[in-house]
Amino acid sequence: MVSCMCVIQEGQTPDRRREALATALDGYVQERLGASPSVSWVPVAEGNGFTAGKPSTSSVLVLTAEEPLTQQHRESVLRELVALWTSETGCSVDEIVAVVADPASH
């Protein structure tokens, strides 16, 4: 299973939008990474997150793959993930931090 943590600003993404995002992420992750994602939402209380010295409107998406990815595959997944997020939320690319990490080695 692919871990998918979505850090969002409180009030920025309504529950119904989260459901649509989770569905879109599920299909995307299964297609591109070959596994179902475990999506968790981490809302940041208003005023608790800043970007460039101002209250943040940023989202942080952190996926942990089941298997190591080539850099080419990782970059492709990241570009598509940002495109999916901007399409679904209306956020600009400047409001999204996306990470696809390899699994931790044991």
PDB file of N, CA and C in Angstrom:
ATOM      1  N   MET A   1       0.847  -1.178   0.000  1.00  0.00           N
ATOM      2  CA  MET A   1       0.000   0.000   0.000  1.00  0.00           C
ATOM      3  C   MET A   1       0.895   1.246   0.000  1.00  0.00           C
ATOM      4  N   VAL A   2       0.489   2.242  -0.742  1.00  0.00           N
ATOM      5  CA  VAL A   2       1.203   3.511  -0.810  1.00  0.00           C
ATOM      6  C   VAL A   2       0.630   4.456   0.233  1.00  0.00           C
ATOM      7  N   SER A   3       1.487   4.970   1.088  1.00  0.00           N
ATOM      8  CA  SER A   3       1.064   5.958   2.076  1.00  0.00           C
ATOM      9  C   SER A   3       0.928   7.305   1.370  1.00  0.00           C
ATOM     10  N   CYS A   4      -0.169   7.994   1.619  1.00  0.00           N
ATOM     11  CA  CYS A   4      -0.421   9.295   0.990  1.00  0.00           C
ATOM     12  C   CYS A   4      -0.944  10.253   2.061  1.00  0.00           C
ATOM     13  N   MET A   5      -0.067  11.153   2.508  1.00  0.00           N
ATOM     14  CA  MET A   5      -0.456  12.130   3.519  1.00  0.00           C
ATOM     15  C   MET A   5      -0.688  13.479   2.839  1.00  0.00           C
ATOM     16  N   CYS A   6      -1.857  14.055   3.073  1.00  0.00           N
ATOM     17  CA  CYS A   6      -2.234  15.334   2.470  1.00  0.00           C
ATOM     18  C   CYS A   6      -2.377  16.373   3.575  1.00  0.00           C
ATOM     19  N   VAL A   7      -1.434  17.298   3.621  1.00  0.00           N
ATOM     20  CA  VAL A   7      -1.478  18.383   4.598  1.00  0.00           C
ATOM     21  C   VAL A   7      -2.152  19.562   3.918  1.00  0.00           C
ATOM     22  N   ILE A   8      -3.285  19.978   4.483  1.00  0.00           N
ATOM     23  CA  ILE A   8      -4.080  21.041   3.863  1.00  0.00           C
ATOM     24  C   ILE A   8      -4.411  22.103   4.905  1.00  0.00           C
ATOM     25  N   GLN A   9      -4.700  23.279   4.440  1.00  0.00           N
ATOM     26  CA  GLN A   9      -5.073  24.372   5.335  1.00  0.00           C
ATOM     27  C   GLN A   9      -6.542  24.234   5.715  1.00  0.00           C
ATOM     28  N   GLU A  10      -6.838  24.362   6.996  1.00  0.00           N
ATOM     29  CA  GLU A  10      -8.195  24.242   7.512  1.00  0.00           C
ATOM     30  C   GLU A  10      -9.136  25.181   6.758  1.00  0.00           C
ATOM     31  N   GLY A  11     -10.282  24.651   6.350  1.00  0.00           N
ATOM     32  CA  GLY A  11     -11.289  25.448   5.673  1.00  0.00           C
ATOM     33  C   GLY A  11     -11.042  25.633   4.187  1.00  0.00           C
ATOM     34  N   GLN A  12      -9.894  25.242   3.706  1.00  0.00           N
ATOM     35  CA  GLN A  12      -9.567  25.441   2.297  1.00  0.00           C
ATOM     36  C   GLN A  12     -10.138  24.338   1.400  1.00  0.00           C
ATOM     37  N   THR A  13     -10.269  23.136   1.959  1.00  0.00           N
ATOM     38  CA  THR A  13     -10.735  21.997   1.173  1.00  0.00           C
ATOM     39  C   THR A  13     -11.920  21.359   1.884  1.00  0.00           C
ATOM     40  N   PRO A  14     -13.142  21.674   1.449  1.00  0.00           N
ATOM     41  CA  PRO A  14     -14.333  21.117   2.102  1.00  0.00           C
ATOM     42  C   PRO A  14     -14.333  19.581   2.055  1.00  0.00           C
ATOM     43  N   ASP A  15     -15.062  18.966   2.984  1.00  0.00           N
ATOM     44  CA  ASP A  15     -15.118  17.501   3.069  1.00  0.00           C
ATOM     45  C   ASP A  15     -15.493  16.849   1.743  1.00  0.00           C
ATOM     46  N   ARG A  16     -16.458  17.420   1.038  1.00  0.00           N
ATOM     47  CA  ARG A  16     -16.883  16.815  -0.236  1.00  0.00           C
ATOM     48  C   ARG A  16     -15.756  16.874  -1.256  1.00  0.00           C
ATOM     49  N   ARG A  17     -14.942  17.912  -1.205  1.00  0.00           N
ATOM     50  CA  ARG A  17     -13.800  18.035  -2.106  1.00  0.00           C
ATOM     51  C   ARG A  17     -12.737  17.005  -1.724  1.00  0.00           C
ATOM     52  N   ARG A  18     -12.570  16.773  -0.428  1.00  0.00           N
ATOM     53  CA  ARG A  18     -11.614  15.756   0.029  1.00  0.00           C
ATOM     54  C   ARG A  18     -12.000  14.382  -0.504  1.00  0.00           C
ATOM     55  N   GLU A  19     -13.305  14.088  -0.486  1.00  0.00           N
ATOM     56  CA  GLU A  19     -13.770  12.799  -1.007  1.00  0.00           C
ATOM     57  C   GLU A  19     -13.428  12.663  -2.484  1.00  0.00           C
ATOM     58  N   ALA A  20     -13.653  13.721  -3.263  1.00  0.00           N
ATOM     59  CA  ALA A  20     -13.330  13.699  -4.690  1.00  0.00           C
ATOM     60  C   ALA A  20     -11.821  13.566  -4.893  1.00  0.00           C
ATOM     61  N   LEU A  21     -11.038  14.273  -4.083  1.00  0.00           N
ATOM     62  CA  LEU A  21      -9.585  14.175  -4.174  1.00  0.00           C
ATOM     63  C   LEU A  21      -9.107  12.768  -3.826  1.00  0.00           C
ATOM     64  N   ALA A  22      -9.671  12.179  -2.774  1.00  0.00           N
ATOM     65  CA  ALA A  22      -9.279  10.825  -2.377  1.00  0.00           C
ATOM     66  C   ALA A  22      -9.587   9.828  -3.487  1.00  0.00           C
ATOM     67  N   THR A  23     -10.732   9.976  -4.135  1.00  0.00           N
ATOM     68  CA  THR A  23     -11.092   9.099  -5.250  1.00  0.00           C
ATOM     69  C   THR A  23     -10.127   9.282  -6.414  1.00  0.00           C
ATOM     70  N   ALA A  24      -9.816  10.535  -6.738  1.00  0.00           N
ATOM     71  CA  ALA A  24      -8.875  10.818  -7.831  1.00  0.00           C
ATOM     72  C   ALA A  24      -7.485  10.280  -7.496  1.00  0.00           C
ATOM     73  N   LEU A  25      -7.042  10.477  -6.258  1.00  0.00           N
ATOM     74  CA  LEU A  25      -5.737   9.961  -5.836  1.00  0.00           C
ATOM     75  C   LEU A  25      -5.696   8.438  -5.894  1.00  0.00           C
ATOM     76  N   ASP A  26      -6.786   7.797  -5.481  1.00  0.00           N
ATOM     77  CA  ASP A  26      -6.844   6.337  -5.504  1.00  0.00           C
ATOM     78  C   ASP A  26      -6.622   5.807  -6.921  1.00  0.00           C
ATOM     79  N   GLY A  27      -7.363   6.338  -7.870  1.00  0.00           N
ATOM     80  CA  GLY A  27      -7.214   5.891  -9.254  1.00  0.00           C
ATOM     81  C   GLY A  27      -5.836   6.197  -9.808  1.00  0.00           C
ATOM     82  N   TYR A  28      -5.351   7.383  -9.518  1.00  0.00           N
ATOM     83  CA  TYR A  28      -4.044   7.809 -10.030  1.00  0.00           C
ATOM     84  C   TYR A  28      -2.909   6.952  -9.462  1.00  0.00           C
ATOM     85  N   VAL A  29      -2.904   6.761  -8.152  1.00  0.00           N
ATOM     86  CA  VAL A  29      -1.833   5.998  -7.514  1.00  0.00           C
ATOM     87  C   VAL A  29      -1.862   4.539  -7.976  1.00  0.00           C
ATOM     88  N   GLN A  30      -3.049   3.971  -8.095  1.00  0.00           N
ATOM     89  CA  GLN A  30      -3.131   2.592  -8.584  1.00  0.00           C
ATOM     90  C   GLN A  30      -2.573   2.484  -9.999  1.00  0.00           C
ATOM     91  N   GLU A  31      -2.909   3.455 -10.834  1.00  0.00           N
ATOM     92  CA  GLU A  31      -2.441   3.438 -12.224  1.00  0.00           C
ATOM     93  C   GLU A  31      -0.930   3.650 -12.320  1.00  0.00           C
ATOM     94  N   ARG A  32      -0.397   4.633 -11.611  1.00  0.00           N
ATOM     95  CA  ARG A  32       1.005   5.025 -11.775  1.00  0.00           C
ATOM     96  C   ARG A  32       1.985   4.297 -10.856  1.00  0.00           C
ATOM     97  N   LEU A  33       1.506   3.856  -9.676  1.00  0.00           N
ATOM     98  CA  LEU A  33       2.410   3.196  -8.736  1.00  0.00           C
ATOM     99  C   LEU A  33       2.020   1.750  -8.457  1.00  0.00           C
ATOM    100  N   GLY A  34       0.914   1.304  -9.045  1.00  0.00           N
ATOM    101  CA  GLY A  34       0.530  -0.096  -8.965  1.00  0.00           C
ATOM    102  C   GLY A  34       0.049  -0.576  -7.606  1.00  0.00           C
ATOM    103  N   ALA A  35      -0.430   0.332  -6.779  1.00  0.00           N
ATOM    104  CA  ALA A  35      -0.913  -0.063  -5.454  1.00  0.00           C
ATOM    105  C   ALA A  35      -1.978   0.920  -4.984  1.00  0.00           C
ATOM    106  N   SER A  36      -2.816   0.447  -4.081  1.00  0.00           N
ATOM    107  CA  SER A  36      -3.831   1.322  -3.495  1.00  0.00           C
ATOM    108  C   SER A  36      -3.176   2.260  -2.490  1.00  0.00           C
ATOM    109  N   PRO A  37      -3.640   3.519  -2.451  1.00  0.00           N
ATOM    110  CA  PRO A  37      -3.094   4.429  -1.451  1.00  0.00           C
ATOM    111  C   PRO A  37      -3.884   4.387  -0.147  1.00  0.00           C
ATOM    112  N   SER A  38      -3.187   4.621   0.931  1.00  0.00           N
ATOM    113  CA  SER A  38      -3.817   4.868   2.219  1.00  0.00           C
ATOM    114  C   SER A  38      -3.738   6.374   2.404  1.00  0.00           C
ATOM    115  N   VAL A  39      -4.863   7.062   2.187  1.00  0.00           N
ATOM    116  CA  VAL A  39      -4.883   8.526   2.208  1.00  0.00           C
ATOM    117  C   VAL A  39      -5.232   9.027   3.606  1.00  0.00           C
ATOM    118  N   SER A  40      -4.384   9.906   4.136  1.00  0.00           N
ATOM    119  CA  SER A  40      -4.686  10.549   5.412  1.00  0.00           C
ATOM    120  C   SER A  40      -4.656  12.058   5.213  1.00  0.00           C
ATOM    121  N   TRP A  41      -5.557  12.726   5.904  1.00  0.00           N
ATOM    122  CA  TRP A  41      -5.687  14.179   5.815  1.00  0.00           C
ATOM    123  C   TRP A  41      -5.178  14.809   7.099  1.00  0.00           C
ATOM    124  N   VAL A  42      -4.339  15.806   6.957  1.00  0.00           N
ATOM    125  CA  VAL A  42      -3.799  16.525   8.106  1.00  0.00           C
ATOM    126  C   VAL A  42      -4.148  17.997   7.924  1.00  0.00           C
ATOM    127  N   PRO A  43      -5.270  18.446   8.522  1.00  0.00           N
ATOM    128  CA  PRO A  43      -5.631  19.857   8.409  1.00  0.00           C
ATOM    129  C   PRO A  43      -4.786  20.712   9.347  1.00  0.00           C
ATOM    130  N   VAL A  44      -4.308  21.828   8.844  1.00  0.00           N
ATOM    131  CA  VAL A  44      -3.524  22.780   9.627  1.00  0.00           C
ATOM    132  C   VAL A  44      -4.477  23.893  10.049  1.00  0.00           C
ATOM    133  N   ALA A  45      -4.600  24.092  11.350  1.00  0.00           N
ATOM    134  CA  ALA A  45      -5.524  25.106  11.866  1.00  0.00           C
ATOM    135  C   ALA A  45      -5.174  26.485  11.306  1.00  0.00           C
ATOM    136  N   GLU A  46      -6.203  27.261  11.055  1.00  0.00           N
ATOM    137  CA  GLU A  46      -6.017  28.606  10.519  1.00  0.00           C
ATOM    138  C   GLU A  46      -5.022  29.392  11.370  1.00  0.00           C
ATOM    139  N   GLY A  47      -4.058  30.000  10.698  1.00  0.00           N
ATOM    140  CA  GLY A  47      -3.047  30.789  11.388  1.00  0.00           C
ATOM    141  C   GLY A  47      -1.825  29.998  11.841  1.00  0.00           C
ATOM    142  N   ASN A  48      -1.893  28.662  11.737  1.00  0.00           N
ATOM    143  CA  ASN A  48      -0.772  27.829  12.180  1.00  0.00           C
ATOM    144  C   ASN A  48       0.224  27.520  11.061  1.00  0.00           C
ATOM    145  N   GLY A  49      -0.092  27.869   9.843  1.00  0.00           N
ATOM    146  CA  GLY A  49       0.814  27.615   8.731  1.00  0.00           C
ATOM    147  C   GLY A  49       1.094  28.893   7.966  1.00  0.00           C
ATOM    148  N   PHE A  50       2.364  29.148   7.694  1.00  0.00           N
ATOM    149  CA  PHE A  50       2.770  30.326   6.936  1.00  0.00           C
ATOM    150  C   PHE A  50       3.635  29.909   5.754  1.00  0.00           C
ATOM    151  N   THR A  51       3.507  30.627   4.664  1.00  0.00           N
ATOM    152  CA  THR A  51       4.367  30.487   3.501  1.00  0.00           C
ATOM    153  C   THR A  51       4.805  31.889   3.109  1.00  0.00           C
ATOM    154  N   ALA A  52       6.100  32.073   2.947  1.00  0.00           N
ATOM    155  CA  ALA A  52       6.659  33.381   2.579  1.00  0.00           C
ATOM    156  C   ALA A  52       6.203  34.477   3.542  1.00  0.00           C
ATOM    157  N   GLY A  53       6.083  34.124   4.825  1.00  0.00           N
ATOM    158  CA  GLY A  53       5.752  35.103   5.853  1.00  0.00           C
ATOM    159  C   GLY A  53       4.300  35.504   5.930  1.00  0.00           C
ATOM    160  N   LYS A  54       3.417  34.775   5.225  1.00  0.00           N
ATOM    161  CA  LYS A  54       1.981  35.086   5.229  1.00  0.00           C
ATOM    162  C   LYS A  54       1.191  33.811   5.505  1.00  0.00           C
ATOM    163  N   PRO A  55      -0.056  33.946   5.969  1.00  0.00           N
ATOM    164  CA  PRO A  55      -0.867  32.742   6.168  1.00  0.00           C
ATOM    165  C   PRO A  55      -0.874  31.890   4.896  1.00  0.00           C
ATOM    166  N   SER A  56      -0.654  30.612   5.090  1.00  0.00           N
ATOM    167  CA  SER A  56      -0.452  29.703   3.970  1.00  0.00           C
ATOM    168  C   SER A  56      -1.750  29.268   3.298  1.00  0.00           C
ATOM    169  N   THR A  57      -1.673  29.080   2.008  1.00  0.00           N
ATOM    170  CA  THR A  57      -2.730  28.441   1.226  1.00  0.00           C
ATOM    171  C   THR A  57      -2.179  27.176   0.580  1.00  0.00           C
ATOM    172  N   SER A  58      -0.995  26.763   1.021  1.00  0.00           N
ATOM    173  CA  SER A  58      -0.308  25.625   0.411  1.00  0.00           C
ATOM    174  C   SER A  58      -0.862  24.289   0.870  1.00  0.00           C
ATOM    175  N   SER A  59      -0.720  23.307  -0.010  1.00  0.00           N
ATOM    176  CA  SER A  59      -0.988  21.908   0.301  1.00  0.00           C
ATOM    177  C   SER A  59       0.339  21.177   0.195  1.00  0.00           C
ATOM    178  N   VAL A  60       0.533  20.209   1.070  1.00  0.00           N
ATOM    179  CA  VAL A  60       1.733  19.376   1.016  1.00  0.00           C
ATOM    180  C   VAL A  60       1.266  17.938   0.829  1.00  0.00           C
ATOM    181  N   LEU A  61       1.735  17.309  -0.237  1.00  0.00           N
ATOM    182  CA  LEU A  61       1.359  15.935  -0.556  1.00  0.00           C
ATOM    183  C   LEU A  61       2.597  15.070  -0.428  1.00  0.00           C
ATOM    184  N   VAL A  62       2.543  14.074   0.440  1.00  0.00           N
ATOM    185  CA  VAL A  62       3.688  13.196   0.645  1.00  0.00           C
ATOM    186  C   VAL A  62       3.242  11.754   0.404  1.00  0.00           C
ATOM    187  N   LEU A  63       3.755  11.164  -0.661  1.00  0.00           N
ATOM    188  CA  LEU A  63       3.489   9.772  -0.972  1.00  0.00           C
ATOM    189  C   LEU A  63       4.747   8.969  -0.695  1.00  0.00           C
ATOM    190  N   THR A  64       4.582   7.783  -0.137  1.00  0.00           N
ATOM    191  CA  THR A  64       5.698   6.869   0.057  1.00  0.00           C
ATOM    192  C   THR A  64       5.400   5.627  -0.773  1.00  0.00           C
ATOM    193  N   ALA A  65       6.232   5.414  -1.788  1.00  0.00           N
ATOM    194  CA  ALA A  65       6.042   4.290  -2.697  1.00  0.00           C
ATOM    195  C   ALA A  65       6.388   2.973  -2.017  1.00  0.00           C
ATOM    196  N   GLU A  66       5.855   1.886  -2.553  1.00  0.00           N
ATOM    197  CA  GLU A  66       6.154   0.561  -2.020  1.00  0.00           C
ATOM    198  C   GLU A  66       7.530   0.066  -2.479  1.00  0.00           C
ATOM    199  N   GLU A  67       7.942   0.503  -3.651  1.00  0.00           N
ATOM    200  CA  GLU A  67       9.217   0.106  -4.246  1.00  0.00           C
ATOM    201  C   GLU A  67       9.965   1.364  -4.669  1.00  0.00           C
ATOM    202  N   PRO A  68      11.300   1.325  -4.657  1.00  0.00           N
ATOM    203  CA  PRO A  68      12.058   2.487  -5.137  1.00  0.00           C
ATOM    204  C   PRO A  68      11.696   2.821  -6.578  1.00  0.00           C
ATOM    205  N   LEU A  69      11.682   4.109  -6.901  1.00  0.00           N
ATOM    206  CA  LEU A  69      11.360   4.568  -8.247  1.00  0.00           C
ATOM    207  C   LEU A  69      12.614   5.092  -8.930  1.00  0.00           C
ATOM    208  N   THR A  70      12.628   5.002 -10.249  1.00  0.00           N
ATOM    209  CA  THR A  70      13.687   5.683 -10.982  1.00  0.00           C
ATOM    210  C   THR A  70      13.388   7.179 -10.899  1.00  0.00           C
ATOM    211  N   GLN A  71      14.408   7.990 -11.068  1.00  0.00           N
ATOM    212  CA  GLN A  71      14.184   9.434 -11.001  1.00  0.00           C
ATOM    213  C   GLN A  71      13.248   9.893 -12.108  1.00  0.00           C
ATOM    214  N   GLN A  72      13.358   9.305 -13.284  1.00  0.00           N
ATOM    215  CA  GLN A  72      12.478   9.670 -14.400  1.00  0.00           C
ATOM    216  C   GLN A  72      11.019   9.372 -14.057  1.00  0.00           C
ATOM    217  N   HIS A  73      10.762   8.199 -13.480  1.00  0.00           N
ATOM    218  CA  HIS A  73       9.398   7.835 -13.097  1.00  0.00           C
ATOM    219  C   HIS A  73       8.895   8.774 -11.994  1.00  0.00           C
ATOM    220  N   ARG A  74       9.748   9.056 -10.988  1.00  0.00           N
ATOM    221  CA  ARG A  74       9.370   9.937  -9.886  1.00  0.00           C
ATOM    222  C   ARG A  74       8.973  11.318 -10.415  1.00  0.00           C
ATOM    223  N   GLU A  75       9.780  11.886 -11.310  1.00  0.00           N
ATOM    224  CA  GLU A  75       9.482  13.216 -11.839  1.00  0.00           C
ATOM    225  C   GLU A  75       8.182  13.224 -12.622  1.00  0.00           C
ATOM    226  N   SER A  76       7.934  12.180 -13.390  1.00  0.00           N
ATOM    227  CA  SER A  76       6.682  12.071 -14.138  1.00  0.00           C
ATOM    228  C   SER A  76       5.488  11.998 -13.184  1.00  0.00           C
ATOM    229  N   VAL A  77       5.605  11.171 -12.158  1.00  0.00           N
ATOM    230  CA  VAL A  77       4.532  11.039 -11.161  1.00  0.00           C
ATOM    231  C   VAL A  77       4.290  12.374 -10.464  1.00  0.00           C
ATOM    232  N   LEU A  78       5.363  13.074 -10.099  1.00  0.00           N
ATOM    233  CA  LEU A  78       5.216  14.360  -9.418  1.00  0.00           C
ATOM    234  C   LEU A  78       4.521  15.391 -10.298  1.00  0.00           C
ATOM    235  N   ARG A  79       4.917  15.485 -11.556  1.00  0.00           N
ATOM    236  CA  ARG A  79       4.258  16.444 -12.466  1.00  0.00           C
ATOM    237  C   ARG A  79       2.767  16.143 -12.589  1.00  0.00           C
ATOM    238  N   GLU A  80       2.434  14.876 -12.769  1.00  0.00           N
ATOM    239  CA  GLU A  80       1.035  14.475 -12.925  1.00  0.00           C
ATOM    240  C   GLU A  80       0.255  14.663 -11.626  1.00  0.00           C
ATOM    241  N   LEU A  81       0.886  14.406 -10.498  1.00  0.00           N
ATOM    242  CA  LEU A  81       0.235  14.595  -9.204  1.00  0.00           C
ATOM    243  C   LEU A  81      -0.104  16.069  -8.983  1.00  0.00           C
ATOM    244  N   VAL A  82       0.824  16.955  -9.297  1.00  0.00           N
ATOM    245  CA  VAL A  82       0.568  18.392  -9.168  1.00  0.00           C
ATOM    246  C   VAL A  82      -0.550  18.813 -10.123  1.00  0.00           C
ATOM    247  N   ALA A  83      -0.543  18.295 -11.346  1.00  0.00           N
ATOM    248  CA  ALA A  83      -1.606  18.617 -12.307  1.00  0.00           C
ATOM    249  C   ALA A  83      -2.966  18.145 -11.797  1.00  0.00           C
ATOM    250  N   LEU A  84      -3.012  16.945 -11.221  1.00  0.00           N
ATOM    251  CA  LEU A  84      -4.264  16.426 -10.658  1.00  0.00           C
ATOM    252  C   LEU A  84      -4.735  17.339  -9.525  1.00  0.00           C
ATOM    253  N   TRP A  85      -3.833  17.720  -8.626  1.00  0.00           N
ATOM    254  CA  TRP A  85      -4.202  18.541  -7.477  1.00  0.00           C
ATOM    255  C   TRP A  85      -4.690  19.917  -7.915  1.00  0.00           C
ATOM    256  N   THR A  86      -3.996  20.546  -8.867  1.00  0.00           N
ATOM    257  CA  THR A  86      -4.430  21.867  -9.327  1.00  0.00           C
ATOM    258  C   THR A  86      -5.791  21.777 -10.011  1.00  0.00           C
ATOM    259  N   SER A  87      -5.990  20.727 -10.775  1.00  0.00           N
ATOM    260  CA  SER A  87      -7.268  20.539 -11.467  1.00  0.00           C
ATOM    261  C   SER A  87      -8.417  20.353 -10.484  1.00  0.00           C
ATOM    262  N   GLU A  88      -8.185  19.571  -9.453  1.00  0.00           N
ATOM    263  CA  GLU A  88      -9.243  19.255  -8.483  1.00  0.00           C
ATOM    264  C   GLU A  88      -9.493  20.367  -7.462  1.00  0.00           C
ATOM    265  N   THR A  89      -8.477  21.172  -7.145  1.00  0.00           N
ATOM    266  CA  THR A  89      -8.625  22.157  -6.066  1.00  0.00           C
ATOM    267  C   THR A  89      -8.663  23.601  -6.537  1.00  0.00           C
ATOM    268  N   GLY A  90      -8.140  23.872  -7.725  1.00  0.00           N
ATOM    269  CA  GLY A  90      -8.017  25.250  -8.179  1.00  0.00           C
ATOM    270  C   GLY A  90      -6.788  25.942  -7.630  1.00  0.00           C
ATOM    271  N   CYS A  91      -5.977  25.237  -6.839  1.00  0.00           N
ATOM    272  CA  CYS A  91      -4.715  25.800  -6.339  1.00  0.00           C
ATOM    273  C   CYS A  91      -3.767  26.030  -7.516  1.00  0.00           C
ATOM    274  N   SER A  92      -2.868  26.975  -7.340  1.00  0.00           N
ATOM    275  CA  SER A  92      -1.828  27.162  -8.357  1.00  0.00           C
ATOM    276  C   SER A  92      -0.678  26.209  -8.056  1.00  0.00           C
ATOM    277  N   VAL A  93       0.199  25.993  -9.021  1.00  0.00           N
ATOM    278  CA  VAL A  93       1.352  25.121  -8.808  1.00  0.00           C
ATOM    279  C   VAL A  93       2.263  25.666  -7.711  1.00  0.00           C
ATOM    280  N   ASP A  94       2.216  26.973  -7.470  1.00  0.00           N
ATOM    281  CA  ASP A  94       3.037  27.580  -6.423  1.00  0.00           C
ATOM    282  C   ASP A  94       2.515  27.293  -5.018  1.00  0.00           C
ATOM    283  N   GLU A  95       1.324  26.713  -4.913  1.00  0.00           N
ATOM    284  CA  GLU A  95       0.732  26.404  -3.610  1.00  0.00           C
ATOM    285  C   GLU A  95       0.848  24.924  -3.255  1.00  0.00           C
ATOM    286  N   ILE A  96       1.614  24.170  -4.040  1.00  0.00           N
ATOM    287  CA  ILE A  96       1.676  22.728  -3.841  1.00  0.00           C
ATOM    288  C   ILE A  96       3.119  22.281  -3.663  1.00  0.00           C
ATOM    289  N   VAL A  97       3.342  21.552  -2.592  1.00  0.00           N
ATOM    290  CA  VAL A  97       4.613  20.872  -2.382  1.00  0.00           C
ATOM    291  C   VAL A  97       4.293  19.385  -2.500  1.00  0.00           C
ATOM    292  N   ALA A  98       4.932  18.699  -3.427  1.00  0.00           N
ATOM    293  CA  ALA A  98       4.674  17.281  -3.643  1.00  0.00           C
ATOM    294  C   ALA A  98       5.971  16.491  -3.473  1.00  0.00           C
ATOM    295  N   VAL A  99       5.849  15.351  -2.812  1.00  0.00           N
ATOM    296  CA  VAL A  99       6.985  14.471  -2.555  1.00  0.00           C
ATOM    297  C   VAL A  99       6.552  13.044  -2.844  1.00  0.00           C
ATOM    298  N   VAL A 100       7.389  12.310  -3.572  1.00  0.00           N
ATOM    299  CA  VAL A 100       7.206  10.867  -3.698  1.00  0.00           C
ATOM    300  C   VAL A 100       8.488  10.241  -3.193  1.00  0.00           C
ATOM    301  N   ALA A 101       8.421   9.697  -1.986  1.00  0.00           N
ATOM    302  CA  ALA A 101       9.588   9.113  -1.341  1.00  0.00           C
ATOM    303  C   ALA A 101       9.640   7.617  -1.616  1.00  0.00           C
ATOM    304  N   ASP A 102      10.862   7.097  -1.643  1.00  0.00           N
ATOM    305  CA  ASP A 102      11.029   5.653  -1.701  1.00  0.00           C
ATOM    306  C   ASP A 102      10.735   5.086  -0.322  1.00  0.00           C
ATOM    307  N   PRO A 103      10.429   3.792  -0.238  1.00  0.00           N
ATOM    308  CA  PRO A 103      10.174   3.198   1.079  1.00  0.00           C
ATOM    309  C   PRO A 103      11.426   3.279   1.937  1.00  0.00           C
ATOM    310  N   ALA A 104      11.222   3.363   3.246  1.00  0.00           N
ATOM    311  CA  ALA A 104      12.361   3.385   4.174  1.00  0.00           C
ATOM    312  C   ALA A 104      13.035   2.028   4.148  1.00  0.00           C
ATOM    313  N   SER A 105      14.338   2.026   4.146  1.00  0.00           N
ATOM    314  CA  SER A 105      15.049   0.747   4.186  1.00  0.00           C
ATOM    315  C   SER A 105      15.108   0.273   5.632  1.00  0.00           C
ATOM    316  N   HIS A 106      15.030  -1.001   5.797  1.00  0.00           N
ATOM    317  CA  HIS A 106      15.006  -1.590   7.169  1.00  0.00           C
ATOM    318  C   HIS A 106      16.330  -2.214   7.476  1.00  0.00           C
TER     319      HIS A 106
END
